PDB file of N, CA and C in Angstrom:
ATOM      1  N   UNK A   1      18.062  17.230  -9.501  1.00  0.00           N
ATOM      2  CA  UNK A   1      18.442  18.376  -8.705  1.00  0.00           C
ATOM      3  C   UNK A   1      17.792  18.334  -7.323  1.00  0.00           C
ATOM      4  N   UNK A   2      16.564  17.860  -7.250  1.00  0.00           N
ATOM      5  CA  UNK A   2      15.841  17.873  -5.979  1.00  0.00           C
ATOM      6  C   UNK A   2      16.398  16.870  -4.987  1.00  0.00           C
ATOM      7  N   UNK A   3      17.045  15.820  -5.461  1.00  0.00           N
ATOM      8  CA  UNK A   3      17.581  14.806  -4.546  1.00  0.00           C
ATOM      9  C   UNK A   3      19.105  14.778  -4.574  1.00  0.00           C
ATOM     10  N   UNK A   4      19.732  15.843  -5.050  1.00  0.00           N
ATOM     11  CA  UNK A   4      21.187  15.895  -5.164  1.00  0.00           C
ATOM     12  C   UNK A   4      21.832  15.971  -3.788  1.00  0.00           C
ATOM     13  N   UNK A   5      23.031  15.448  -3.713  1.00  0.00           N
ATOM     14  CA  UNK A   5      23.826  15.526  -2.499  1.00  0.00           C
ATOM     15  C   UNK A   5      25.199  16.053  -2.868  1.00  0.00           C
ATOM     16  N   UNK A   6      25.925  16.509  -1.871  1.00  0.00           N
ATOM     17  CA  UNK A   6      27.259  17.021  -2.129  1.00  0.00           C
ATOM     18  C   UNK A   6      27.299  18.527  -1.987  1.00  0.00           C
ATOM     19  N   UNK A   7      28.296  19.141  -2.597  1.00  0.00           N
ATOM     20  CA  UNK A   7      28.491  20.577  -2.464  1.00  0.00           C
ATOM     21  C   UNK A   7      27.514  21.355  -3.342  1.00  0.00           C
ATOM     22  N   UNK A   8      26.814  22.296  -2.740  1.00  0.00           N
ATOM     23  CA  UNK A   8      25.965  23.206  -3.498  1.00  0.00           C
ATOM     24  C   UNK A   8      24.500  22.880  -3.654  1.00  0.00           C
ATOM     25  N   UNK A   9      23.984  21.751  -3.219  1.00  0.00           N
ATOM     26  CA  UNK A   9      22.570  21.480  -3.481  1.00  0.00           C
ATOM     27  C   UNK A   9      21.614  22.320  -2.632  1.00  0.00           C
ATOM     28  N   UNK A  10      22.109  22.959  -1.567  1.00  0.00           N
ATOM     29  CA  UNK A  10      21.215  23.765  -0.747  1.00  0.00           C
ATOM     30  C   UNK A  10      20.704  24.987  -1.506  1.00  0.00           C
ATOM     31  N   UNK A  11      21.386  25.376  -2.563  1.00  0.00           N
ATOM     32  CA  UNK A  11      20.928  26.489  -3.398  1.00  0.00           C
ATOM     33  C   UNK A  11      19.984  25.990  -4.482  1.00  0.00           C
ATOM     34  N   UNK A  12      20.277  24.831  -5.048  1.00  0.00           N
ATOM     35  CA  UNK A  12      19.498  24.317  -6.169  1.00  0.00           C
ATOM     36  C   UNK A  12      18.241  23.574  -5.736  1.00  0.00           C
ATOM     37  N   UNK A  13      18.221  23.021  -4.547  1.00  0.00           N
ATOM     38  CA  UNK A  13      17.104  22.192  -4.097  1.00  0.00           C
ATOM     39  C   UNK A  13      15.777  22.961  -4.039  1.00  0.00           C
ATOM     40  N   UNK A  14      15.711  24.188  -3.505  1.00  0.00           N
ATOM     41  CA  UNK A  14      14.435  24.919  -3.521  1.00  0.00           C
ATOM     42  C   UNK A  14      13.931  25.207  -4.936  1.00  0.00           C
ATOM     43  N   UNK A  15      14.839  25.560  -5.828  1.00  0.00           N
ATOM     44  CA  UNK A  15      14.459  25.816  -7.214  1.00  0.00           C
ATOM     45  C   UNK A  15      13.924  24.558  -7.874  1.00  0.00           C
ATOM     46  N   UNK A  16      14.580  23.439  -7.638  1.00  0.00           N
ATOM     47  CA  UNK A  16      14.124  22.178  -8.217  1.00  0.00           C
ATOM     48  C   UNK A  16      12.754  21.788  -7.674  1.00  0.00           C
ATOM     49  N   UNK A  17      12.518  22.049  -6.389  1.00  0.00           N
ATOM     50  CA  UNK A  17      11.217  21.742  -5.795  1.00  0.00           C
ATOM     51  C   UNK A  17      10.116  22.571  -6.449  1.00  0.00           C
ATOM     52  N   UNK A  18      10.381  23.837  -6.696  1.00  0.00           N
ATOM     53  CA  UNK A  18       9.393  24.703  -7.352  1.00  0.00           C
ATOM     54  C   UNK A  18       9.138  24.252  -8.783  1.00  0.00           C
ATOM     55  N   UNK A  19      10.180  23.875  -9.495  1.00  0.00           N
ATOM     56  CA  UNK A  19      10.026  23.417 -10.884  1.00  0.00           C
ATOM     57  C   UNK A  19       9.199  22.141 -10.931  1.00  0.00           C
ATOM     58  N   UNK A  20       9.492  21.196 -10.042  1.00  0.00           N
ATOM     59  CA  UNK A  20       8.743  19.936 -10.013  1.00  0.00           C
ATOM     60  C   UNK A  20       7.287  20.201  -9.656  1.00  0.00           C
ATOM     61  N   UNK A  21       7.042  21.075  -8.684  1.00  0.00           N
ATOM     62  CA  UNK A  21       5.668  21.429  -8.327  1.00  0.00           C
ATOM     63  C   UNK A  21       4.917  22.078  -9.478  1.00  0.00           C
ATOM     64  N   UNK A  22       5.591  22.934 -10.215  1.00  0.00           N
ATOM     65  CA  UNK A  22       4.968  23.576 -11.371  1.00  0.00           C
ATOM     66  C   UNK A  22       4.621  22.590 -12.465  1.00  0.00           C
ATOM     67  N   UNK A  23       5.504  21.652 -12.717  1.00  0.00           N
ATOM     68  CA  UNK A  23       5.242  20.634 -13.737  1.00  0.00           C
ATOM     69  C   UNK A  23       4.060  19.764 -13.327  1.00  0.00           C
ATOM     70  N   UNK A  24       4.026  19.353 -12.065  1.00  0.00           N
ATOM     71  CA  UNK A  24       2.927  18.501 -11.599  1.00  0.00           C
ATOM     72  C   UNK A  24       1.596  19.246 -11.607  1.00  0.00           C
ATOM     73  N   UNK A  25       1.600  20.491 -11.145  1.00  0.00           N
ATOM     74  CA  UNK A  25       0.343  21.234 -11.107  1.00  0.00           C
ATOM     75  C   UNK A  25      -0.157  21.564 -12.515  1.00  0.00           C
ATOM     76  N   UNK A  26       0.733  21.906 -13.437  1.00  0.00           N
ATOM     77  CA  UNK A  26       0.286  22.198 -14.797  1.00  0.00           C
ATOM     78  C   UNK A  26      -0.234  20.943 -15.486  1.00  0.00           C
ATOM     79  N   UNK A  27       0.372  19.799 -15.200  1.00  0.00           N
ATOM     80  CA  UNK A  27      -0.117  18.538 -15.756  1.00  0.00           C
ATOM     81  C   UNK A  27      -1.507  18.225 -15.233  1.00  0.00           C
ATOM     82  N   UNK A  28      -1.723  18.399 -13.929  1.00  0.00           N
ATOM     83  CA  UNK A  28      -3.043  18.171 -13.341  1.00  0.00           C
ATOM     84  C   UNK A  28      -4.079  19.102 -13.954  1.00  0.00           C
ATOM     85  N   UNK A  29      -3.746  20.381 -14.077  1.00  0.00           N
ATOM     86  CA  UNK A  29      -4.694  21.338 -14.643  1.00  0.00           C
ATOM     87  C   UNK A  29      -5.042  20.997 -16.083  1.00  0.00           C
ATOM     88  N   UNK A  30      -4.044  20.634 -16.871  1.00  0.00           N
ATOM     89  CA  UNK A  30      -4.265  20.378 -18.290  1.00  0.00           C
ATOM     90  C   UNK A  30      -5.019  19.078 -18.536  1.00  0.00           C
ATOM     91  N   UNK A  31      -4.696  18.030 -17.813  1.00  0.00           N
ATOM     92  CA  UNK A  31      -5.259  16.714 -18.103  1.00  0.00           C
ATOM     93  C   UNK A  31      -6.543  16.399 -17.341  1.00  0.00           C
ATOM     94  N   UNK A  32      -6.777  17.034 -16.202  1.00  0.00           N
ATOM     95  CA  UNK A  32      -7.928  16.670 -15.374  1.00  0.00           C
ATOM     96  C   UNK A  32      -8.908  17.837 -15.196  1.00  0.00           C
ATOM     97  N   UNK A  33      -8.425  18.969 -14.732  1.00  0.00           N
ATOM     98  CA  UNK A  33      -9.336  20.058 -14.384  1.00  0.00           C
ATOM     99  C   UNK A  33      -9.957  20.726 -15.610  1.00  0.00           C
ATOM    100  N   UNK A  34      -9.166  21.079 -16.598  1.00  0.00           N
ATOM    101  CA  UNK A  34      -9.722  21.754 -17.768  1.00  0.00           C
ATOM    102  C   UNK A  34     -10.730  20.904 -18.547  1.00  0.00           C
ATOM    103  N   UNK A  35     -10.468  19.621 -18.809  1.00  0.00           N
ATOM    104  CA  UNK A  35     -11.499  18.828 -19.480  1.00  0.00           C
ATOM    105  C   UNK A  35     -12.786  18.720 -18.658  1.00  0.00           C
ATOM    106  N   UNK A  36     -12.665  18.626 -17.343  1.00  0.00           N
ATOM    107  CA  UNK A  36     -13.858  18.564 -16.497  1.00  0.00           C
ATOM    108  C   UNK A  36     -14.655  19.869 -16.579  1.00  0.00           C
ATOM    109  N   UNK A  37     -13.955  20.991 -16.589  1.00  0.00           N
ATOM    110  CA  UNK A  37     -14.640  22.282 -16.709  1.00  0.00           C
ATOM    111  C   UNK A  37     -15.310  22.429 -18.074  1.00  0.00           C
ATOM    112  N   UNK A  38     -14.621  22.040 -19.134  1.00  0.00           N
ATOM    113  CA  UNK A  38     -15.225  22.093 -20.466  1.00  0.00           C
ATOM    114  C   UNK A  38     -16.483  21.232 -20.529  1.00  0.00           C
ATOM    115  N   UNK A  39     -16.407  20.054 -19.974  1.00  0.00           N
ATOM    116  CA  UNK A  39     -17.547  19.146 -20.003  1.00  0.00           C
ATOM    117  C   UNK A  39     -18.730  19.720 -19.220  1.00  0.00           C
ATOM    118  N   UNK A  40     -18.442  20.311 -18.078  1.00  0.00           N
ATOM    119  CA  UNK A  40     -19.517  20.881 -17.258  1.00  0.00           C
ATOM    120  C   UNK A  40     -20.199  22.053 -17.955  1.00  0.00           C
ATOM    121  N   UNK A  41     -19.413  22.965 -18.507  1.00  0.00           N
ATOM    122  CA  UNK A  41     -20.004  24.137 -19.143  1.00  0.00           C
ATOM    123  C   UNK A  41     -20.629  23.807 -20.496  1.00  0.00           C
ATOM    124  N   UNK A  42     -20.156  22.771 -21.157  1.00  0.00           N
ATOM    125  CA  UNK A  42     -20.778  22.340 -22.414  1.00  0.00           C
ATOM    126  C   UNK A  42     -22.199  21.830 -22.139  1.00  0.00           C
ATOM    127  N   UNK A  43     -22.354  21.069 -21.048  1.00  0.00           N
ATOM    128  CA  UNK A  43     -23.680  20.571 -20.693  1.00  0.00           C
ATOM    129  C   UNK A  43     -24.618  21.692 -20.302  1.00  0.00           C
ATOM    130  N   UNK A  44     -24.116  22.702 -19.581  1.00  0.00           N
ATOM    131  CA  UNK A  44     -24.991  23.781 -19.140  1.00  0.00           C
ATOM    132  C   UNK A  44     -25.381  24.700 -20.299  1.00  0.00           C
ATOM    133  N   UNK A  45     -24.564  24.819 -21.331  1.00  0.00           N
ATOM    134  CA  UNK A  45     -24.899  25.626 -22.502  1.00  0.00           C
ATOM    135  C   UNK A  45     -25.847  24.890 -23.447  1.00  0.00           C
ATOM    136  N   UNK A  46     -25.841  23.587 -23.436  1.00  0.00           N
ATOM    137  CA  UNK A  46     -26.689  22.793 -24.325  1.00  0.00           C
ATOM    138  C   UNK A  46     -28.139  22.811 -23.887  1.00  0.00           C
ATOM    139  N   UNK A  47     -28.385  23.044 -22.611  1.00  0.00           N
ATOM    140  CA  UNK A  47     -29.754  23.024 -22.093  1.00  0.00           C
ATOM    141  C   UNK A  47     -30.551  24.237 -22.473  1.00  0.00           C
TER     142      UNK A  47
END
C-alpha cells in the first residue's frame, strides 16, 4: 500500500505509512527497549 501507484493511492498511502511506522516501533520496543529496561532494573533490585 505504501508504494502503490495508480488511482487512489493518495488516500491509502498515509494510512500505510502510519501502519508501517507502528509495526516498526512496536518491534523495536518489544525486542530491544523492554529487555534492556528489565535487565537494568533487575540489576538495581538485586543490589
